[in-house]
Amino acid sequence: MHHIKKILVIRLSSIGDIVLTTPLVRSIQSVWPGAKIDYCTKAQFVTLLAANPRISTIYTLEAPPSNAYDLVVDLQNNLRSHAIVRSLHKERLVRYRKSNWKKWLLVQCKINFYGTYRSVVDRYRDALKEFALSGDSLGCELYPSPSERAFASTFFDGGKKTLALCFGAKHFTKRYPPRSFAALLILLLRETQLQILLLGGKEDAQQASEIMEALPAASRPMVLNLAGKCSIMQTAAILERSDAVLCNDTGLMHIASAFGKKLFVLFGSSSSAFGFLPYHAQYDLFQVEVLPCRPCSHIGRDHCPKGHFRCMNDLSVALVAEHILDHFKCTL
């Protein structure tokens, strides 16, 4: 293994998947501490890795790598990553095996061949099993810049405990309904003086507005809507400062996990069997345990195929609120 001096890691998308590669990058560096580790991803995700001290150069689809590598680690394993790999001179190539047949059987037939839960981080590591990479007890890694941390600090001057609410998700079936989130916030704010920060992208602005509109006037001053007003890494810096995080199964969940935050996670059409629970972070998971149609997809859908959306609608607002309140009572 001493001859491996230049390594390329490829993971093109998306936010959560890329964040979940950071423990593997750490493991790679521990085995080859003197190696140069490059990374290739989509341009919009470069910011997630730009300050990572373990990574030397970040390439994109628009400006792909052209160097020679001793080892290429393809964690995307699709047509685009294959094209990048073909263009390179490489001594050794390993690829992440996605086991799509297991996903298909679980979604289509509700047959679970995954066995005991294993994080996708550990499955990534399987791609390099011949090199005997070892794991550790650390989680994911993100490095907000001083300016991003300064931006975040402006929202934490009041001395109140802060709950970050990551209410969005790319797919409808992974999103807890805005009115349910609003009902949950009402319960929380009746019992404790929390500051609530709504976090999401521009695409989540409509849902944020729906949450705000469903709140009574007395509660709105305690809820700050930051959806669409922060960059990814500014959002990360806010999550770093927050006391706890309530979230759907989304990329911001994994960003928050990188800072060791207590997470309250809502799974709708998702299944933990796919391996995307928070990695080495404390969390309470809320899901409808016995629902024959769940999971209906391994990534999420734009509508409920059955029309009832019970995987989210049946999640108890009161139960989630109780867990969050218990957490803050213990930390005050």
C-alpha atoms as a PDB file:
ATOM      1  CA  MET A   1       0.000   0.000   0.000  1.00  0.00           C
ATOM      2  CA  HIS A   2       3.038   2.309   0.372  1.00  0.00           C
ATOM      3  CA  HIS A   3       3.050   3.061  -3.353  1.00  0.00           C
ATOM      4  CA  ILE A   4      -0.331   4.794  -3.252  1.00  0.00           C
ATOM      5  CA  LYS A   5       0.473   8.491  -3.336  1.00  0.00           C
ATOM      6  CA  LYS A   6      -2.391   9.998  -5.358  1.00  0.00           C
ATOM      7  CA  ILE A   7      -6.046   9.146  -4.745  1.00  0.00           C
ATOM      8  CA  LEU A   8      -9.245  10.388  -6.368  1.00  0.00           C
ATOM      9  CA  VAL A   9     -12.646  10.046  -4.697  1.00  0.00           C
ATOM     10  CA  ILE A  10     -15.740  10.510  -6.880  1.00  0.00           C
ATOM     11  CA  ARG A  11     -19.179  11.309  -5.481  1.00  0.00           C
ATOM     12  CA  LEU A  12     -21.159  13.663  -7.690  1.00  0.00           C
ATOM     13  CA  SER A  13     -24.331  14.140  -5.638  1.00  0.00           C
ATOM     14  CA  SER A  14     -26.161  14.893  -3.460  1.00  0.00           C
ATOM     15  CA  ILE A  15     -25.726  16.858  -0.206  1.00  0.00           C
ATOM     16  CA  GLY A  16     -26.301  14.018   2.241  1.00  0.00           C
ATOM     17  CA  ASP A  17     -24.424  11.436   0.180  1.00  0.00           C
ATOM     18  CA  ILE A  18     -21.400  13.715  -0.107  1.00  0.00           C
ATOM     19  CA  VAL A  19     -21.362  14.538   3.605  1.00  0.00           C
ATOM     20  CA  LEU A  20     -21.490  10.802   4.288  1.00  0.00           C
ATOM     21  CA  THR A  21     -18.277  10.287   2.295  1.00  0.00           C
ATOM     22  CA  THR A  22     -16.251  12.415   4.711  1.00  0.00           C
ATOM     23  CA  PRO A  23     -15.658   9.600   7.236  1.00  0.00           C
ATOM     24  CA  LEU A  24     -14.302   7.479   4.379  1.00  0.00           C
ATOM     25  CA  VAL A  25     -11.942  10.288   3.343  1.00  0.00           C
ATOM     26  CA  ARG A  26     -10.739  10.353   6.942  1.00  0.00           C
ATOM     27  CA  SER A  27     -10.192   6.570   6.879  1.00  0.00           C
ATOM     28  CA  ILE A  28      -8.300   6.815   3.594  1.00  0.00           C
ATOM     29  CA  GLN A  29      -6.024   9.476   5.046  1.00  0.00           C
ATOM     30  CA  SER A  30      -5.361   7.322   8.118  1.00  0.00           C
ATOM     31  CA  VAL A  31      -4.154   4.443   5.918  1.00  0.00           C
ATOM     32  CA  TRP A  32      -2.156   6.642   3.503  1.00  0.00           C
ATOM     33  CA  PRO A  33      -1.272   9.708   5.613  1.00  0.00           C
ATOM     34  CA  GLY A  34       1.137  11.071   3.035  1.00  0.00           C
ATOM     35  CA  ALA A  35      -1.132  10.615   0.015  1.00  0.00           C
ATOM     36  CA  LYS A  36      -2.704  13.451  -1.960  1.00  0.00           C
ATOM     37  CA  ILE A  37      -6.501  13.013  -1.922  1.00  0.00           C
ATOM     38  CA  ASP A  38      -8.503  14.715  -4.676  1.00  0.00           C
ATOM     39  CA  TYR A  39     -12.280  14.741  -4.982  1.00  0.00           C
ATOM     40  CA  CYS A  40     -14.677  15.096  -7.907  1.00  0.00           C
ATOM     41  CA  THR A  41     -18.260  16.264  -7.423  1.00  0.00           C
ATOM     42  CA  LYS A  42     -20.858  18.526  -9.039  1.00  0.00           C
ATOM     43  CA  ALA A  43     -20.090  22.233  -8.978  1.00  0.00           C
ATOM     44  CA  GLN A  44     -22.969  23.126  -6.644  1.00  0.00           C
ATOM     45  CA  PHE A  45     -21.569  20.834  -3.939  1.00  0.00           C
ATOM     46  CA  VAL A  46     -17.940  21.991  -3.961  1.00  0.00           C
ATOM     47  CA  THR A  47     -18.620  24.271  -1.004  1.00  0.00           C
ATOM     48  CA  LEU A  48     -19.297  21.225   1.198  1.00  0.00           C
ATOM     49  CA  LEU A  49     -15.696  20.082   0.741  1.00  0.00           C
ATOM     50  CA  ALA A  50     -13.767  23.276  -0.004  1.00  0.00           C
ATOM     51  CA  ALA A  51     -12.399  23.742   3.534  1.00  0.00           C
ATOM     52  CA  ASN A  52     -11.845  20.049   4.281  1.00  0.00           C
ATOM     53  CA  PRO A  53      -8.145  19.825   5.220  1.00  0.00           C
ATOM     54  CA  ARG A  54      -7.944  16.193   4.092  1.00  0.00           C
ATOM     55  CA  ILE A  55      -8.758  17.065   0.462  1.00  0.00           C
ATOM     56  CA  SER A  56      -6.164  18.617  -1.840  1.00  0.00           C
ATOM     57  CA  THR A  57      -8.005  19.531  -5.044  1.00  0.00           C
ATOM     58  CA  ILE A  58     -11.713  19.462  -5.892  1.00  0.00           C
ATOM     59  CA  TYR A  59     -12.772  18.806  -9.466  1.00  0.00           C
ATOM     60  CA  THR A  60     -16.183  19.101 -11.100  1.00  0.00           C
ATOM     61  CA  LEU A  61     -18.006  17.740 -14.129  1.00  0.00           C
ATOM     62  CA  GLU A  62     -17.236  21.014 -15.898  1.00  0.00           C
ATOM     63  CA  ALA A  63     -13.557  20.874 -14.909  1.00  0.00           C
ATOM     64  CA  PRO A  64     -12.868  17.147 -14.443  1.00  0.00           C
ATOM     65  CA  PRO A  65      -9.618  15.635 -13.223  1.00  0.00           C
ATOM     66  CA  SER A  66      -6.990  14.700 -15.782  1.00  0.00           C
ATOM     67  CA  ASN A  67      -4.162  13.529 -13.536  1.00  0.00           C
ATOM     68  CA  ALA A  68      -2.797  10.041 -13.130  1.00  0.00           C
ATOM     69  CA  TYR A  69      -3.893   8.297  -9.933  1.00  0.00           C
ATOM     70  CA  ASP A  70      -2.662   5.326  -7.986  1.00  0.00           C
ATOM     71  CA  LEU A  71      -6.189   4.718  -6.697  1.00  0.00           C
ATOM     72  CA  VAL A  72      -9.596   5.888  -7.883  1.00  0.00           C
ATOM     73  CA  VAL A  73     -12.566   5.374  -5.538  1.00  0.00           C
ATOM     74  CA  ASP A  74     -15.836   5.676  -7.457  1.00  0.00           C
ATOM     75  CA  LEU A  75     -18.585   6.087  -4.883  1.00  0.00           C
ATOM     76  CA  GLN A  76     -21.126   7.304  -7.450  1.00  0.00           C
ATOM     77  CA  ASN A  77     -20.889   4.322  -9.817  1.00  0.00           C
ATOM     78  CA  ASN A  78     -23.080   5.618 -12.631  1.00  0.00           C
ATOM     79  CA  LEU A  79     -22.615   6.560 -16.283  1.00  0.00           C
ATOM     80  CA  ARG A  80     -21.174   9.998 -15.497  1.00  0.00           C
ATOM     81  CA  SER A  81     -18.635   8.712 -13.003  1.00  0.00           C
ATOM     82  CA  HIS A  82     -17.708   5.888 -15.381  1.00  0.00           C
ATOM     83  CA  ALA A  83     -16.964   8.473 -18.087  1.00  0.00           C
ATOM     84  CA  ILE A  84     -14.651  10.340 -15.711  1.00  0.00           C
ATOM     85  CA  VAL A  85     -12.894   7.127 -14.734  1.00  0.00           C
ATOM     86  CA  ARG A  86     -12.363   6.097 -18.370  1.00  0.00           C
ATOM     87  CA  SER A  87     -10.599   9.378 -19.091  1.00  0.00           C
ATOM     88  CA  LEU A  88      -8.000   8.839 -16.365  1.00  0.00           C
ATOM     89  CA  HIS A  89      -4.797   6.911 -16.141  1.00  0.00           C
ATOM     90  CA  LYS A  90      -5.135   4.838 -12.982  1.00  0.00           C
ATOM     91  CA  GLU A  91      -3.339   1.962 -11.338  1.00  0.00           C
ATOM     92  CA  ARG A  92      -6.275   0.724  -9.261  1.00  0.00           C
ATOM     93  CA  LEU A  93     -10.038   1.330  -9.383  1.00  0.00           C
ATOM     94  CA  VAL A  94     -12.625   0.409  -6.763  1.00  0.00           C
ATOM     95  CA  ARG A  95     -16.347   1.077  -6.938  1.00  0.00           C
ATOM     96  CA  TYR A  96     -19.144   1.291  -4.404  1.00  0.00           C
ATOM     97  CA  ARG A  97     -21.648  -1.493  -4.987  1.00  0.00           C
ATOM     98  CA  LYS A  98     -25.120  -0.002  -4.645  1.00  0.00           C
ATOM     99  CA  SER A  99     -26.989  -3.328  -4.380  1.00  0.00           C
ATOM    100  CA  ASN A 100     -29.909  -1.926  -6.339  1.00  0.00           C
ATOM    101  CA  TRP A 101     -31.560  -5.343  -6.312  1.00  0.00           C
ATOM    102  CA  LYS A 102     -31.962  -5.070  -2.540  1.00  0.00           C
ATOM    103  CA  LYS A 103     -33.585  -1.651  -2.927  1.00  0.00           C
ATOM    104  CA  TRP A 104     -35.930  -3.035  -5.600  1.00  0.00           C
ATOM    105  CA  LEU A 105     -37.007  -6.003  -3.478  1.00  0.00           C
ATOM    106  CA  LEU A 106     -37.640  -3.838  -0.418  1.00  0.00           C
ATOM    107  CA  VAL A 107     -39.640  -1.236  -2.348  1.00  0.00           C
ATOM    108  CA  GLN A 108     -41.545  -3.548  -4.679  1.00  0.00           C
ATOM    109  CA  CYS A 109     -41.950  -6.701  -2.591  1.00  0.00           C
ATOM    110  CA  LYS A 110     -41.252  -5.458   0.951  1.00  0.00           C
ATOM    111  CA  ILE A 111     -38.561  -8.120   1.304  1.00  0.00           C
ATOM    112  CA  ASN A 112     -35.581  -6.892   3.307  1.00  0.00           C
ATOM    113  CA  PHE A 113     -32.253  -8.469   2.357  1.00  0.00           C
ATOM    114  CA  TYR A 114     -30.191  -5.767   4.047  1.00  0.00           C
ATOM    115  CA  GLY A 115     -30.073  -7.615   7.360  1.00  0.00           C
ATOM    116  CA  THR A 116     -28.738  -5.827  10.420  1.00  0.00           C
ATOM    117  CA  TYR A 117     -28.562  -2.065   9.945  1.00  0.00           C
ATOM    118  CA  ARG A 118     -25.351  -0.803   8.372  1.00  0.00           C
ATOM    119  CA  SER A 119     -24.723   2.815   7.527  1.00  0.00           C
ATOM    120  CA  VAL A 120     -23.963   3.727   3.936  1.00  0.00           C
ATOM    121  CA  VAL A 121     -20.643   4.959   5.355  1.00  0.00           C
ATOM    122  CA  ASP A 122     -19.730   1.374   6.200  1.00  0.00           C
ATOM    123  CA  ARG A 123     -20.922   0.251   2.770  1.00  0.00           C
ATOM    124  CA  TYR A 124     -18.691   2.871   1.163  1.00  0.00           C
ATOM    125  CA  ARG A 125     -15.832   1.430   3.188  1.00  0.00           C
ATOM    126  CA  ASP A 126     -16.619  -2.034   1.824  1.00  0.00           C
ATOM    127  CA  ALA A 127     -15.427  -0.830  -1.575  1.00  0.00           C
ATOM    128  CA  LEU A 128     -11.910  -0.656  -0.109  1.00  0.00           C
ATOM    129  CA  LYS A 129     -12.061  -3.786   2.045  1.00  0.00           C
ATOM    130  CA  GLU A 130      -8.932  -5.211   0.408  1.00  0.00           C
ATOM    131  CA  PHE A 131      -7.005  -2.329   1.989  1.00  0.00           C
ATOM    132  CA  ALA A 132      -8.348  -3.054   5.489  1.00  0.00           C
ATOM    133  CA  LEU A 133      -9.603   0.448   6.201  1.00  0.00           C
ATOM    134  CA  SER A 134     -10.790   0.772   9.768  1.00  0.00           C
ATOM    135  CA  GLY A 135     -13.608   2.905  11.036  1.00  0.00           C
ATOM    136  CA  ASP A 136     -13.667   5.093  14.125  1.00  0.00           C
ATOM    137  CA  SER A 137     -16.211   6.527  16.524  1.00  0.00           C
ATOM    138  CA  LEU A 138     -16.180   9.936  14.860  1.00  0.00           C
ATOM    139  CA  GLY A 139     -18.959  11.200  12.617  1.00  0.00           C
ATOM    140  CA  CYS A 140     -19.104  13.198   9.418  1.00  0.00           C
ATOM    141  CA  GLU A 141     -16.995  16.309   8.912  1.00  0.00           C
ATOM    142  CA  LEU A 142     -17.784  19.832   7.711  1.00  0.00           C
ATOM    143  CA  TYR A 143     -15.716  22.989   8.091  1.00  0.00           C
ATOM    144  CA  PRO A 144     -17.597  26.300   7.952  1.00  0.00           C
ATOM    145  CA  SER A 145     -15.360  29.294   7.297  1.00  0.00           C
ATOM    146  CA  PRO A 146     -14.858  32.125   9.813  1.00  0.00           C
ATOM    147  CA  SER A 147     -17.144  34.347   7.711  1.00  0.00           C
ATOM    148  CA  GLU A 148     -19.866  31.700   7.657  1.00  0.00           C
ATOM    149  CA  ARG A 149     -19.591  31.279  11.410  1.00  0.00           C
ATOM    150  CA  ALA A 150     -19.734  35.063  11.842  1.00  0.00           C
ATOM    151  CA  PHE A 151     -22.905  35.125   9.728  1.00  0.00           C
ATOM    152  CA  ALA A 152     -24.454  32.392  11.902  1.00  0.00           C
ATOM    153  CA  SER A 153     -23.544  34.150  15.140  1.00  0.00           C
ATOM    154  CA  THR A 154     -25.917  37.015  14.373  1.00  0.00           C
ATOM    155  CA  PHE A 155     -28.876  34.719  15.042  1.00  0.00           C
ATOM    156  CA  PHE A 156     -27.736  33.637  18.502  1.00  0.00           C
ATOM    157  CA  ASP A 157     -27.600  36.810  20.545  1.00  0.00           C
ATOM    158  CA  GLY A 158     -30.730  36.343  22.652  1.00  0.00           C
ATOM    159  CA  GLY A 159     -29.474  33.669  25.035  1.00  0.00           C
ATOM    160  CA  LYS A 160     -32.413  31.350  24.301  1.00  0.00           C
ATOM    161  CA  LYS A 161     -32.053  27.688  23.465  1.00  0.00           C
ATOM    162  CA  THR A 162     -32.383  27.206  19.717  1.00  0.00           C
ATOM    163  CA  LEU A 163     -34.171  24.497  17.768  1.00  0.00           C
ATOM    164  CA  ALA A 164     -33.296  24.403  14.077  1.00  0.00           C
ATOM    165  CA  LEU A 165     -36.146  23.117  11.908  1.00  0.00           C
ATOM    166  CA  CYS A 166     -35.069  21.573   8.585  1.00  0.00           C
ATOM    167  CA  PHE A 167     -38.553  21.178   7.178  1.00  0.00           C
ATOM    168  CA  GLY A 168     -37.795  20.611   3.508  1.00  0.00           C
ATOM    169  CA  ALA A 169     -36.812  17.663   1.333  1.00  0.00           C
ATOM    170  CA  LYS A 170     -36.486  17.229  -2.399  1.00  0.00           C
ATOM    171  CA  HIS A 171     -39.331  14.729  -2.622  1.00  0.00           C
ATOM    172  CA  PHE A 172     -42.861  15.231  -1.313  1.00  0.00           C
ATOM    173  CA  THR A 173     -43.087  11.872   0.460  1.00  0.00           C
ATOM    174  CA  LYS A 174     -40.110  12.804   2.648  1.00  0.00           C
ATOM    175  CA  ARG A 175     -41.701  16.066   3.844  1.00  0.00           C
ATOM    176  CA  TYR A 176     -43.743  16.327   7.027  1.00  0.00           C
ATOM    177  CA  PRO A 177     -46.739  18.551   6.179  1.00  0.00           C
ATOM    178  CA  PRO A 178     -46.221  22.268   6.959  1.00  0.00           C
ATOM    179  CA  ARG A 179     -49.404  22.423   9.048  1.00  0.00           C
ATOM    180  CA  SER A 180     -48.155  19.508  11.137  1.00  0.00           C
ATOM    181  CA  PHE A 181     -44.868  21.321  11.701  1.00  0.00           C
ATOM    182  CA  ALA A 182     -46.800  24.431  12.704  1.00  0.00           C
ATOM    183  CA  ALA A 183     -48.933  22.435  15.161  1.00  0.00           C
ATOM    184  CA  LEU A 184     -45.757  20.969  16.626  1.00  0.00           C
ATOM    185  CA  LEU A 185     -44.164  24.403  17.062  1.00  0.00           C
ATOM    186  CA  ILE A 186     -47.287  25.685  18.792  1.00  0.00           C
ATOM    187  CA  LEU A 187     -47.020  22.871  21.349  1.00  0.00           C
ATOM    188  CA  LEU A 188     -43.340  23.564  21.925  1.00  0.00           C
ATOM    189  CA  LEU A 189     -43.717  27.309  22.311  1.00  0.00           C
ATOM    190  CA  ARG A 190     -46.554  26.907  24.817  1.00  0.00           C
ATOM    191  CA  GLU A 191     -44.187  25.029  27.109  1.00  0.00           C
ATOM    192  CA  THR A 192     -40.793  26.650  26.682  1.00  0.00           C
ATOM    193  CA  GLN A 193     -39.108  29.816  25.440  1.00  0.00           C
ATOM    194  CA  LEU A 194     -37.279  28.405  22.451  1.00  0.00           C
ATOM    195  CA  GLN A 195     -35.931  30.205  19.445  1.00  0.00           C
ATOM    196  CA  ILE A 196     -36.978  28.368  16.267  1.00  0.00           C
ATOM    197  CA  LEU A 197     -34.977  28.787  13.052  1.00  0.00           C
ATOM    198  CA  LEU A 198     -36.539  27.586   9.794  1.00  0.00           C
ATOM    199  CA  LEU A 199     -33.755  26.378   7.492  1.00  0.00           C
ATOM    200  CA  GLY A 200     -33.990  25.423   3.840  1.00  0.00           C
ATOM    201  CA  GLY A 201     -33.226  26.497   0.307  1.00  0.00           C
ATOM    202  CA  LYS A 202     -35.078  28.796  -2.044  1.00  0.00           C
ATOM    203  CA  GLU A 203     -37.076  25.793  -3.240  1.00  0.00           C
ATOM    204  CA  ASP A 204     -38.429  25.426   0.314  1.00  0.00           C
ATOM    205  CA  ALA A 205     -39.672  29.018   0.654  1.00  0.00           C
ATOM    206  CA  GLN A 206     -43.316  28.173  -0.048  1.00  0.00           C
ATOM    207  CA  GLN A 207     -43.399  25.531   2.686  1.00  0.00           C
ATOM    208  CA  ALA A 208     -41.762  27.956   5.110  1.00  0.00           C
ATOM    209  CA  SER A 209     -44.480  30.491   4.352  1.00  0.00           C
ATOM    210  CA  GLU A 210     -47.147  27.871   4.990  1.00  0.00           C
ATOM    211  CA  ILE A 211     -45.609  27.068   8.372  1.00  0.00           C
ATOM    212  CA  MET A 212     -45.459  30.741   9.327  1.00  0.00           C
ATOM    213  CA  GLU A 213     -49.014  31.429   8.177  1.00  0.00           C
ATOM    214  CA  ALA A 214     -50.345  28.514  10.244  1.00  0.00           C
ATOM    215  CA  LEU A 215     -48.793  29.887  13.433  1.00  0.00           C
ATOM    216  CA  PRO A 216     -50.785  32.172  15.733  1.00  0.00           C
ATOM    217  CA  ALA A 217     -49.594  35.755  15.862  1.00  0.00           C
ATOM    218  CA  ALA A 218     -48.241  35.293  19.385  1.00  0.00           C
ATOM    219  CA  SER A 219     -45.862  32.518  18.256  1.00  0.00           C
ATOM    220  CA  ARG A 220     -44.447  34.132  15.123  1.00  0.00           C
ATOM    221  CA  PRO A 221     -41.882  36.405  16.851  1.00  0.00           C
ATOM    222  CA  MET A 222     -40.167  33.288  18.222  1.00  0.00           C
ATOM    223  CA  VAL A 223     -39.833  31.705  14.772  1.00  0.00           C
ATOM    224  CA  LEU A 224     -37.311  33.103  12.307  1.00  0.00           C
ATOM    225  CA  ASN A 225     -37.743  32.111   8.670  1.00  0.00           C
ATOM    226  CA  LEU A 226     -34.307  31.794   7.032  1.00  0.00           C
ATOM    227  CA  ALA A 227     -35.397  29.603   4.110  1.00  0.00           C
ATOM    228  CA  GLY A 228     -33.646  30.700   0.936  1.00  0.00           C
ATOM    229  CA  LYS A 229     -31.614  33.325   2.767  1.00  0.00           C
ATOM    230  CA  CYS A 230     -28.491  31.303   3.547  1.00  0.00           C
ATOM    231  CA  SER A 231     -25.913  29.405   1.531  1.00  0.00           C
ATOM    232  CA  ILE A 232     -25.385  25.717   2.249  1.00  0.00           C
ATOM    233  CA  MET A 233     -22.382  26.399   4.444  1.00  0.00           C
ATOM    234  CA  GLN A 234     -24.018  29.361   6.185  1.00  0.00           C
ATOM    235  CA  THR A 235     -26.822  26.953   7.015  1.00  0.00           C
ATOM    236  CA  ALA A 236     -24.216  24.478   8.248  1.00  0.00           C
ATOM    237  CA  ALA A 237     -22.754  27.138  10.523  1.00  0.00           C
ATOM    238  CA  ILE A 238     -26.220  27.838  11.943  1.00  0.00           C
ATOM    239  CA  LEU A 239     -26.748  24.120  12.574  1.00  0.00           C
ATOM    240  CA  GLU A 240     -23.351  24.040  14.296  1.00  0.00           C
ATOM    241  CA  ARG A 241     -24.579  26.690  16.760  1.00  0.00           C
ATOM    242  CA  SER A 242     -28.071  25.259  17.314  1.00  0.00           C
ATOM    243  CA  ASP A 243     -28.928  23.236  20.416  1.00  0.00           C
ATOM    244  CA  ALA A 244     -31.013  20.590  18.628  1.00  0.00           C
ATOM    245  CA  VAL A 245     -32.402  19.898  15.170  1.00  0.00           C
ATOM    246  CA  LEU A 246     -35.814  18.703  14.005  1.00  0.00           C
ATOM    247  CA  CYS A 247     -35.632  17.419  10.465  1.00  0.00           C
ATOM    248  CA  ASN A 248     -36.962  15.279   7.683  1.00  0.00           C
ATOM    249  CA  ASP A 249     -34.756  12.675   6.000  1.00  0.00           C
ATOM    250  CA  THR A 250     -32.724  15.201   4.047  1.00  0.00           C
ATOM    251  CA  GLY A 251     -29.223  16.476   3.396  1.00  0.00           C
ATOM    252  CA  LEU A 252     -29.440  19.016   6.222  1.00  0.00           C
ATOM    253  CA  MET A 253     -29.942  16.097   8.622  1.00  0.00           C
ATOM    254  CA  HIS A 254     -26.508  14.787   7.682  1.00  0.00           C
ATOM    255  CA  ILE A 255     -24.970  18.257   7.849  1.00  0.00           C
ATOM    256  CA  ALA A 256     -26.316  18.649  11.393  1.00  0.00           C
ATOM    257  CA  SER A 257     -24.997  15.214  12.332  1.00  0.00           C
ATOM    258  CA  ALA A 258     -21.477  16.413  11.454  1.00  0.00           C
ATOM    259  CA  PHE A 259     -21.644  18.766  14.449  1.00  0.00           C
ATOM    260  CA  GLY A 260     -22.899  16.165  16.912  1.00  0.00           C
ATOM    261  CA  LYS A 261     -26.288  17.780  17.306  1.00  0.00           C
ATOM    262  CA  LYS A 262     -29.206  16.001  18.935  1.00  0.00           C
ATOM    263  CA  LEU A 263     -31.508  15.147  16.038  1.00  0.00           C
ATOM    264  CA  PHE A 264     -35.238  14.510  15.959  1.00  0.00           C
ATOM    265  CA  VAL A 265     -35.733  12.735  12.653  1.00  0.00           C
ATOM    266  CA  LEU A 266     -39.013  12.219  10.783  1.00  0.00           C
ATOM    267  CA  PHE A 267     -39.082   9.370   8.267  1.00  0.00           C
ATOM    268  CA  GLY A 268     -42.023   9.148   5.875  1.00  0.00           C
ATOM    269  CA  SER A 269     -41.557   7.005   2.788  1.00  0.00           C
ATOM    270  CA  SER A 270     -37.930   6.433   3.832  1.00  0.00           C
ATOM    271  CA  SER A 271     -36.625   3.235   5.363  1.00  0.00           C
ATOM    272  CA  SER A 272     -33.665   2.999   7.695  1.00  0.00           C
ATOM    273  CA  ALA A 273     -32.678  -0.207   5.881  1.00  0.00           C
ATOM    274  CA  PHE A 274     -31.243   1.901   3.054  1.00  0.00           C
ATOM    275  CA  GLY A 275     -28.490   3.031   5.439  1.00  0.00           C
ATOM    276  CA  PHE A 276     -29.078   6.760   5.730  1.00  0.00           C
ATOM    277  CA  LEU A 277     -29.695   7.302   9.420  1.00  0.00           C
ATOM    278  CA  PRO A 278     -27.524   9.988  11.057  1.00  0.00           C
ATOM    279  CA  TYR A 279     -23.974   8.692  11.322  1.00  0.00           C
ATOM    280  CA  HIS A 280     -22.486   8.535  14.831  1.00  0.00           C
ATOM    281  CA  ALA A 281     -24.861  11.197  16.127  1.00  0.00           C
ATOM    282  CA  GLN A 282     -27.600  11.054  18.739  1.00  0.00           C
ATOM    283  CA  TYR A 283     -31.089  10.956  17.275  1.00  0.00           C
ATOM    284  CA  ASP A 284     -34.688  10.059  18.016  1.00  0.00           C
ATOM    285  CA  LEU A 285     -36.367   8.484  14.991  1.00  0.00           C
ATOM    286  CA  PHE A 286     -40.079   8.890  14.360  1.00  0.00           C
ATOM    287  CA  GLN A 287     -41.736   6.657  11.773  1.00  0.00           C
ATOM    288  CA  VAL A 288     -44.949   4.720  11.247  1.00  0.00           C
ATOM    289  CA  GLU A 289     -43.699   1.244  12.034  1.00  0.00           C
ATOM    290  CA  VAL A 290     -46.471  -0.923  10.570  1.00  0.00           C
ATOM    291  CA  LEU A 291     -47.511   0.370   7.167  1.00  0.00           C
ATOM    292  CA  PRO A 292     -47.687  -2.145   4.284  1.00  0.00           C
ATOM    293  CA  CYS A 293     -46.941   0.434   1.575  1.00  0.00           C
ATOM    294  CA  ARG A 294     -43.753   1.698   3.194  1.00  0.00           C
ATOM    295  CA  PRO A 295     -41.186   2.213   1.728  1.00  0.00           C
ATOM    296  CA  CYS A 296     -42.743   3.175  -1.597  1.00  0.00           C
ATOM    297  CA  SER A 297     -39.417   4.389  -3.019  1.00  0.00           C
ATOM    298  CA  HIS A 298     -35.756   4.401  -2.056  1.00  0.00           C
ATOM    299  CA  ILE A 299     -35.388   8.119  -2.828  1.00  0.00           C
ATOM    300  CA  GLY A 300     -38.911   9.533  -2.392  1.00  0.00           C
ATOM    301  CA  ARG A 301     -41.840  10.439  -4.640  1.00  0.00           C
ATOM    302  CA  ASP A 302     -43.627  13.605  -5.730  1.00  0.00           C
ATOM    303  CA  HIS A 303     -46.939  12.263  -4.412  1.00  0.00           C
ATOM    304  CA  CYS A 304     -48.292   9.479  -2.224  1.00  0.00           C
ATOM    305  CA  PRO A 305     -49.129   6.513  -4.516  1.00  0.00           C
ATOM    306  CA  LYS A 306     -51.946   5.461  -2.183  1.00  0.00           C
ATOM    307  CA  GLY A 307     -53.370   8.947  -1.728  1.00  0.00           C
ATOM    308  CA  HIS A 308     -53.494   8.813   2.084  1.00  0.00           C
ATOM    309  CA  PHE A 309     -49.895   9.815   2.932  1.00  0.00           C
ATOM    310  CA  ARG A 310     -50.179   7.946   6.215  1.00  0.00           C
ATOM    311  CA  CYS A 311     -46.406   7.545   6.535  1.00  0.00           C
ATOM    312  CA  MET A 312     -46.278  11.241   7.445  1.00  0.00           C
ATOM    313  CA  ASN A 313     -49.848  12.099   8.413  1.00  0.00           C
ATOM    314  CA  ASP A 314     -49.884   9.400  11.114  1.00  0.00           C
ATOM    315  CA  LEU A 315     -46.744  10.681  12.830  1.00  0.00           C
ATOM    316  CA  SER A 316     -47.873  12.078  16.178  1.00  0.00           C
ATOM    317  CA  VAL A 317     -47.268  15.796  16.621  1.00  0.00           C
ATOM    318  CA  ALA A 318     -47.711  15.394  20.368  1.00  0.00           C
ATOM    319  CA  LEU A 319     -45.177  12.555  20.618  1.00  0.00           C
ATOM    320  CA  VAL A 320     -42.487  14.445  18.701  1.00  0.00           C
ATOM    321  CA  ALA A 321     -43.111  17.556  20.793  1.00  0.00           C
ATOM    322  CA  GLU A 322     -42.860  15.515  23.999  1.00  0.00           C
ATOM    323  CA  HIS A 323     -39.434  14.157  23.035  1.00  0.00           C
ATOM    324  CA  ILE A 324     -38.131  17.596  22.101  1.00  0.00           C
ATOM    325  CA  LEU A 325     -39.416  19.165  25.316  1.00  0.00           C
ATOM    326  CA  ASP A 326     -37.879  16.379  27.404  1.00  0.00           C
ATOM    327  CA  HIS A 327     -34.539  17.004  25.710  1.00  0.00           C
ATOM    328  CA  PHE A 328     -34.561  20.720  26.414  1.00  0.00           C
ATOM    329  CA  LYS A 329     -35.711  20.226  30.004  1.00  0.00           C
ATOM    330  CA  CYS A 330     -32.669  18.002  30.546  1.00  0.00           C
ATOM    331  CA  THR A 331     -30.291  20.546  29.011  1.00  0.00           C
ATOM    332  CA  LEU A 332     -31.524  23.693  30.755  1.00  0.00           C
END
